[in-house]
Each structure stands twice: as C-alpha cells, then as structure tokens.
Amino acid sequence: MQIARDKELFPKKVTKVELAASLGVSRSSLYYQPKRPALDLELKSQIESVLVDNPSYGHKRVALELKLNKKRIRRVMKKFGLKPYRRRPRKPNKKDDLNKPPTKYQNLIKNFCPIRPNIVWVSDFTYIEFQDRFIYLATVMDLYTREIIGWNIGRFHNKNLVIGALLNALANSESSPVYIHSDQGSEYDSVDYTRLCETNEIQVSMSRKARPGENAFQESFYSTFKLDLGSTGQFDTFGELIEALHLQIYKYNNKRIHTKLKMSPKQFREQYILKEKECTNMSN
C-alpha cells in the first residue's frame, strides 16, 4: 500500500527524450539559452557609459556614438528605462521689455540655408546659476558648421557681454560673416553692438519679438550644453566653473556628435575644407 501511494505522489521520472517528444521539439532545443537578454545587458552597459559623458544624448546620438542601429538602441533604452537627463533650472528675474520700442532690424535669414562657413552666424546668451548668483555666457555659432566660434562670460548680461563674444568670434575666424542673427534683446540692439557689425560689414538680422523659434539653433545648443555641463554645485570656485565652461565648449566643438551633422562640428568643417581643396585641385 505504501509503495502504491508513493508512485501516485511521485510518478515515473520523464526523460528529456520523452519530454522533447511530447512537446514536439528536438532534444537539443531543451538546452538552448536565448542570447538576446545577455546581448541587451551588454548593450545597456555600453549605452550607460555613453550617457555618463553625454547625459543629454537621446537614442539617435547614442546610436551614432556606438555605430549601431538606432532602432536597436531605442528598444534597449526603453527596455531598461534609460533616458537622457532633463532638468528645469531656476531662472533669473528679467526686466519687462514690453515698453521697448520695436527694432528696425528684420529677420534676414528666415528659411535661409548657408552652403559654406562664414555666411550666417547666430548669437545668443544664457544664464548659469552658481552659488546663489547668476553668471552669463554669450556665444556665436556658425550656422553652417554649428561650431561655437566665439564666446564671452560675464557677471551681467549687457552690451559688453555680447560685444565680447562677437569680438572673440571675429578673432577666431578668417573672415566676417555676411549676416549675424540674434533676438531683439537690448544688448543686441545697442548702438555699440550694431556699430561693430557695420564696421565689419556684417548685416544685422533679428528674430521677431517673442519668437524664440527663430533663433532655435542657439536655443537648442544651450539646452544640451547645460545638461552636459551638469550641476554647478560640483565646482568650489568661480575659476573652476569658468574652466569647465571652456572645456565643455571645446568638447562640443571637437567631440560631441551633432544630430544633423552626424559628427562633431570640427569634423564637419574639416570635411568641408578637404572637399574644397579637392575641387580646387580638379579645376586646376
């Protein structure tokens, strides 16, 4: 009786051959271990290493960095909840410009597509919070190469801030642009700034009032620039922050992949110069 009861509780052990036959599969398939989870874990590690240095990268730029298919990168990032970092920093108080008279300058680069460097420069400035204060960074970007060719850092956002950035750009460039574009801020509408542009035979272009999208190139740059810079709380002194800002601009120009260019701005400019030399040699 005891033996019969044991057989009921513990039926005959099924062999792998019998199990495979009952399932209608080959015996070897019972030993199969899927490779996808292991591959996804390895790719997750690679994606995380990219996001450490480039926290604002989305799946497209991660794919370019790793030279992999963007759909695969997106799938793995979604699977493991990997997302680019986003933050909403505190904004400084800004004077109301409602009473400011409209500028005489128009948007001269609307729907404009430059075909070489030094045709259109775009300029803007942003604030950076540091130790309960704000400092300001003004930059000048070449619209064709997306390279930051001039910048200036100051304690206040005034005409000296943007003039310094333009002077730095002129010093770093072989020639002046045809146009320089900005918003209608009083800094850019000042007599000294516009006179500097006229002296260098640069046509001043400005976005329409309350239309930040008309200077979206600089808006996009600052958005990712601050994310890649990280929290300013990591710096103990003003000097450390200034050094970090310079290093971040260098990294943007020389290493960071631009989504539109599919490479860094410096690589894109060097590629353009190389093609120009090849065309010149062929014509000669």
Protein backbone atom coordinates (compact mmCIF):
# COMPACT_ATOMS: atom_id res chain seq x y z
CA MET A 1 0.00 0.00 0.00
CA GLN A 2 2.81 2.39 0.87
CA ILE A 3 4.59 1.69 -2.43
CA ALA A 4 1.42 2.37 -4.44
CA ARG A 5 0.89 5.64 -2.58
CA ASP A 6 4.49 6.70 -3.28
CA LYS A 7 4.01 6.02 -7.01
CA GLU A 8 0.94 8.25 -7.02
CA LEU A 9 2.79 11.08 -5.29
CA PHE A 10 6.00 10.63 -7.24
CA PRO A 11 5.22 9.47 -10.78
CA LYS A 12 7.85 7.99 -13.05
CA LYS A 13 10.63 10.45 -13.96
CA VAL A 14 10.24 11.74 -17.54
CA THR A 15 13.40 11.62 -19.63
CA LYS A 16 14.44 14.54 -21.82
CA VAL A 17 13.81 12.42 -24.90
CA GLU A 18 10.25 11.80 -23.79
CA LEU A 19 9.74 15.44 -22.82
CA ALA A 20 11.02 16.64 -26.21
CA ALA A 21 8.78 14.15 -27.98
CA SER A 22 5.72 15.28 -26.03
CA LEU A 23 6.48 18.92 -26.81
CA GLY A 24 7.17 18.19 -30.45
CA VAL A 25 10.68 19.70 -30.39
CA SER A 26 14.19 18.35 -30.74
CA ARG A 27 16.07 17.32 -27.62
CA SER A 28 18.83 19.88 -28.31
CA SER A 29 16.33 22.73 -28.08
CA LEU A 30 15.84 21.90 -24.39
CA TYR A 31 19.41 23.05 -23.79
CA TYR A 32 19.01 26.33 -25.67
CA GLN A 33 19.58 29.53 -23.75
CA PRO A 34 18.49 32.73 -25.52
CA LYS A 35 21.33 35.13 -26.33
CA ARG A 36 19.19 38.27 -26.55
CA PRO A 37 18.99 39.03 -22.79
CA ALA A 38 22.78 38.78 -22.47
CA LEU A 39 23.31 40.95 -25.56
CA ASP A 40 20.82 43.51 -24.28
CA LEU A 41 22.59 43.66 -20.92
CA GLU A 42 25.92 44.22 -22.66
CA LEU A 43 24.42 46.95 -24.84
CA LYS A 44 22.80 48.52 -21.76
CA SER A 45 26.26 48.82 -20.22
CA GLN A 46 27.62 50.48 -23.37
CA ILE A 47 24.71 52.93 -23.52
CA GLU A 48 25.21 53.86 -19.87
CA SER A 49 28.90 54.54 -20.50
CA VAL A 50 27.94 56.95 -23.30
CA LEU A 51 25.34 58.69 -21.13
CA VAL A 52 27.91 59.22 -18.37
CA ASP A 53 29.88 61.59 -20.62
CA ASN A 54 26.86 62.82 -22.60
CA PRO A 55 23.82 62.84 -20.30
CA SER A 56 21.68 64.72 -22.82
CA TYR A 57 22.13 62.18 -25.64
CA GLY A 58 18.94 60.58 -26.93
CA HIS A 59 18.84 57.25 -28.76
CA LYS A 60 19.88 58.76 -32.11
CA ARG A 61 23.15 60.23 -30.86
CA VAL A 62 23.86 57.17 -28.72
CA ALA A 63 23.47 55.08 -31.87
CA LEU A 64 25.89 57.33 -33.76
CA GLU A 65 28.39 57.14 -30.91
CA LEU A 66 28.23 53.33 -30.74
CA LYS A 67 27.82 52.95 -34.53
CA LEU A 68 24.75 50.76 -34.07
CA ASN A 69 21.20 50.75 -35.41
CA LYS A 70 19.11 53.45 -33.74
CA LYS A 71 16.04 51.20 -33.52
CA ARG A 72 18.01 48.66 -31.52
CA ILE A 73 19.34 51.39 -29.22
CA ARG A 74 15.84 52.79 -28.71
CA ARG A 75 14.48 49.32 -27.87
CA VAL A 76 17.16 48.63 -25.26
CA MET A 77 16.89 52.11 -23.73
CA LYS A 78 13.11 51.66 -23.44
CA LYS A 79 13.54 48.14 -22.02
CA PHE A 80 15.81 49.30 -19.21
CA GLY A 81 14.30 52.76 -18.71
CA LEU A 82 17.39 54.66 -19.91
CA LYS A 83 16.55 58.27 -20.71
CA PRO A 84 18.52 61.46 -21.34
CA TYR A 85 18.69 63.70 -18.31
CA ARG A 86 16.28 66.65 -18.19
CA ARG A 87 16.11 69.43 -15.65
CA ARG A 88 14.30 72.72 -15.08
CA PRO A 89 16.72 75.24 -13.61
CA ARG A 90 15.73 78.35 -11.71
CA LYS A 91 15.55 81.42 -13.94
CA PRO A 92 16.83 84.90 -13.05
CA ASN A 93 14.46 87.82 -12.93
CA LYS A 94 14.32 89.66 -16.24
CA LYS A 95 13.22 93.21 -16.88
CA ASP A 96 9.99 93.63 -18.72
CA ASP A 97 10.65 94.60 -22.34
CA LEU A 98 7.01 95.32 -23.16
CA ASN A 99 7.72 99.05 -23.33
CA LYS A 100 10.78 98.58 -25.51
CA PRO A 101 10.15 100.05 -28.97
CA PRO A 102 10.31 97.59 -31.89
CA THR A 103 13.71 97.23 -33.54
CA LYS A 104 14.31 98.35 -37.09
CA TYR A 105 16.15 95.12 -37.87
CA GLN A 106 14.31 92.30 -39.62
CA ASN A 107 14.82 88.56 -39.78
CA LEU A 108 17.09 88.26 -42.82
CA ILE A 109 17.84 84.54 -42.51
CA LYS A 110 14.32 83.12 -42.40
CA ASN A 111 14.28 79.91 -44.50
CA PHE A 112 17.93 80.63 -45.27
CA CYS A 113 20.31 77.68 -45.78
CA PRO A 114 24.01 78.62 -45.92
CA ILE A 115 26.18 76.48 -48.20
CA ARG A 116 29.54 77.27 -46.60
CA PRO A 117 31.04 78.67 -43.38
CA ASN A 118 31.06 82.39 -42.56
CA ILE A 119 27.77 83.16 -44.28
CA VAL A 120 25.48 83.22 -41.24
CA TRP A 121 26.47 83.50 -37.60
CA VAL A 122 23.86 83.24 -34.86
CA SER A 123 24.31 84.67 -31.38
CA ASP A 124 22.61 84.46 -28.02
CA PHE A 125 23.40 84.32 -24.30
CA THR A 126 22.22 82.24 -21.37
CA TYR A 127 22.37 82.32 -17.59
CA ILE A 128 24.18 79.84 -15.34
CA GLU A 129 23.34 79.63 -11.66
CA PHE A 130 26.34 79.41 -9.33
CA GLN A 131 26.39 79.80 -5.54
CA ASP A 132 23.04 81.64 -5.43
CA ARG A 133 24.16 84.03 -8.17
CA PHE A 134 23.87 84.12 -11.93
CA ILE A 135 26.66 84.45 -14.45
CA TYR A 136 26.09 84.75 -18.19
CA LEU A 137 27.57 83.02 -21.22
CA ALA A 138 27.27 84.59 -24.67
CA THR A 139 28.16 82.57 -27.75
CA VAL A 140 28.42 82.98 -31.52
CA MET A 141 27.76 79.93 -33.71
CA ASP A 142 28.49 79.41 -37.39
CA LEU A 143 25.16 78.21 -38.76
CA TYR A 144 26.74 76.02 -41.44
CA THR A 145 29.20 74.07 -39.27
CA ARG A 146 27.27 74.52 -35.97
CA GLU A 147 30.64 75.36 -34.41
CA ILE A 148 30.89 77.80 -31.50
CA ILE A 149 33.47 80.23 -32.86
CA GLY A 150 33.22 82.93 -30.21
CA TRP A 151 32.12 83.23 -26.60
CA ASN A 152 32.33 85.51 -23.60
CA ILE A 153 31.50 85.08 -19.90
CA GLY A 154 30.34 87.90 -17.65
CA ARG A 155 28.64 88.72 -14.39
CA PHE A 156 25.95 90.80 -16.12
CA HIS A 157 24.00 90.48 -19.36
CA ASN A 158 24.70 93.75 -21.10
CA LYS A 159 26.14 95.01 -24.37
CA ASN A 160 29.71 94.28 -23.22
CA LEU A 161 28.84 90.60 -22.84
CA VAL A 162 27.63 90.16 -26.44
CA ILE A 163 30.23 92.51 -27.93
CA GLY A 164 32.96 90.43 -26.29
CA ALA A 165 31.54 87.25 -27.83
CA LEU A 166 31.43 88.82 -31.29
CA LEU A 167 34.99 90.17 -31.00
CA ASN A 168 36.17 86.71 -29.96
CA ALA A 169 34.43 85.17 -32.99
CA LEU A 170 36.00 87.72 -35.36
CA ALA A 171 39.42 86.99 -33.88
CA ASN A 172 38.95 83.23 -34.35
CA SER A 173 37.64 83.45 -37.91
CA GLU A 174 39.44 84.16 -41.16
CA SER A 175 36.65 86.46 -42.36
CA SER A 176 33.49 88.20 -41.23
CA PRO A 177 30.09 86.65 -41.95
CA VAL A 178 27.51 88.14 -44.27
CA TYR A 179 24.82 88.05 -41.56
CA ILE A 180 24.71 87.80 -37.80
CA HIS A 181 21.39 86.83 -36.25
CA SER A 182 20.09 87.24 -32.69
CA ASP A 183 16.91 88.05 -30.80
CA GLN A 184 15.71 91.61 -30.12
CA GLY A 185 17.37 91.94 -26.74
CA SER A 186 18.55 95.42 -25.84
CA GLU A 187 22.11 94.07 -25.70
CA TYR A 188 22.00 93.28 -29.44
CA ASP A 189 20.08 96.42 -30.34
CA SER A 190 22.61 98.69 -28.65
CA VAL A 191 24.42 101.33 -30.70
CA ASP A 192 27.87 99.93 -29.86
CA TYR A 193 26.98 96.39 -30.92
CA THR A 194 25.30 97.33 -34.20
CA ARG A 195 28.12 99.78 -34.97
CA LEU A 196 30.66 96.97 -34.51
CA CYS A 197 28.69 94.90 -37.00
CA GLU A 198 28.53 97.73 -39.52
CA THR A 199 32.26 98.39 -39.16
CA ASN A 200 32.93 94.77 -40.12
CA GLU A 201 30.36 94.90 -42.95
CA ILE A 202 28.05 92.42 -41.24
CA GLN A 203 24.29 92.69 -41.85
CA VAL A 204 22.31 92.54 -38.59
CA SER A 205 19.37 90.14 -38.52
CA MET A 206 16.95 89.75 -35.61
CA SER A 207 14.10 87.42 -34.70
CA ARG A 208 10.62 88.82 -34.33
CA LYS A 209 9.59 89.70 -30.82
CA ALA A 210 8.61 86.74 -28.62
CA ARG A 211 9.64 84.26 -31.34
CA PRO A 212 12.46 82.19 -29.79
CA GLY A 213 11.98 79.58 -32.51
CA GLU A 214 13.55 81.98 -35.00
CA ASN A 215 16.84 81.51 -33.16
CA ALA A 216 16.29 77.82 -32.40
CA PHE A 217 19.88 76.89 -33.23
CA GLN A 218 21.26 78.67 -30.18
CA GLU A 219 18.29 77.68 -28.01
CA SER A 220 18.99 74.02 -28.78
CA PHE A 221 22.71 74.44 -28.10
CA TYR A 222 22.18 75.92 -24.64
CA SER A 223 19.63 73.26 -23.74
CA THR A 224 22.08 70.40 -24.25
CA PHE A 225 25.11 72.43 -23.14
CA LYS A 226 23.76 72.87 -19.63
CA LEU A 227 22.80 69.22 -19.35
CA ASP A 228 26.27 68.08 -20.38
CA LEU A 229 27.87 70.60 -18.03
CA GLY A 230 25.94 69.14 -15.09
CA SER A 231 25.23 70.73 -11.73
CA THR A 232 27.37 73.76 -10.95
CA GLY A 233 27.39 72.60 -7.32
CA GLN A 234 30.29 70.35 -8.22
CA PHE A 235 32.56 73.41 -8.51
CA ASP A 236 34.01 75.11 -5.44
CA THR A 237 35.26 78.31 -7.04
CA PHE A 238 34.33 80.65 -9.86
CA GLY A 239 37.62 79.76 -11.58
CA GLU A 240 36.71 76.06 -11.66
CA LEU A 241 33.37 76.87 -13.25
CA ILE A 242 34.99 79.08 -15.91
CA GLU A 243 37.44 76.30 -16.76
CA ALA A 244 34.57 73.80 -17.01
CA LEU A 245 32.66 76.11 -19.38
CA HIS A 246 35.67 76.39 -21.68
CA LEU A 247 36.22 72.63 -21.61
CA GLN A 248 32.55 71.99 -22.37
CA ILE A 249 32.66 74.30 -25.41
CA TYR A 250 35.82 72.51 -26.59
CA LYS A 251 34.08 69.16 -26.16
CA TYR A 252 31.01 70.38 -28.07
CA ASN A 253 33.12 71.62 -30.98
CA ASN A 254 35.55 68.72 -31.17
CA LYS A 255 33.92 65.58 -29.76
CA ARG A 256 30.17 65.84 -29.33
CA ILE A 257 28.13 64.34 -32.17
CA HIS A 258 25.66 66.79 -33.67
CA THR A 259 22.43 65.08 -34.71
CA LYS A 260 22.10 66.96 -38.01
CA LEU A 261 25.77 66.69 -38.95
CA LYS A 262 26.22 63.06 -37.77
CA MET A 263 29.65 64.12 -36.50
CA SER A 264 31.25 66.87 -34.43
CA PRO A 265 31.22 70.47 -35.79
CA LYS A 266 35.01 70.44 -36.14
CA GLN A 267 34.94 67.21 -38.16
CA PHE A 268 32.25 68.68 -40.39
CA ARG A 269 34.29 71.84 -41.00
CA GLU A 270 37.43 69.83 -41.77
CA GLN A 271 35.43 67.66 -44.16
CA TYR A 272 34.20 70.79 -45.94
CA ILE A 273 37.76 72.19 -46.23
CA LEU A 274 39.02 68.88 -47.64
CA LYS A 275 36.29 68.80 -50.29
CA GLU A 276 37.03 72.41 -51.24
CA LYS A 277 40.72 71.55 -51.75
CA GLU A 278 39.80 68.53 -53.87
CA CYS A 279 37.51 70.65 -56.05
CA THR A 280 40.23 73.31 -56.45
CA ASN A 281 42.81 70.70 -57.46
CA MET A 282 40.43 69.17 -60.00
CA SER A 283 39.68 72.57 -61.54
CA ASN A 284 43.40 73.29 -61.88
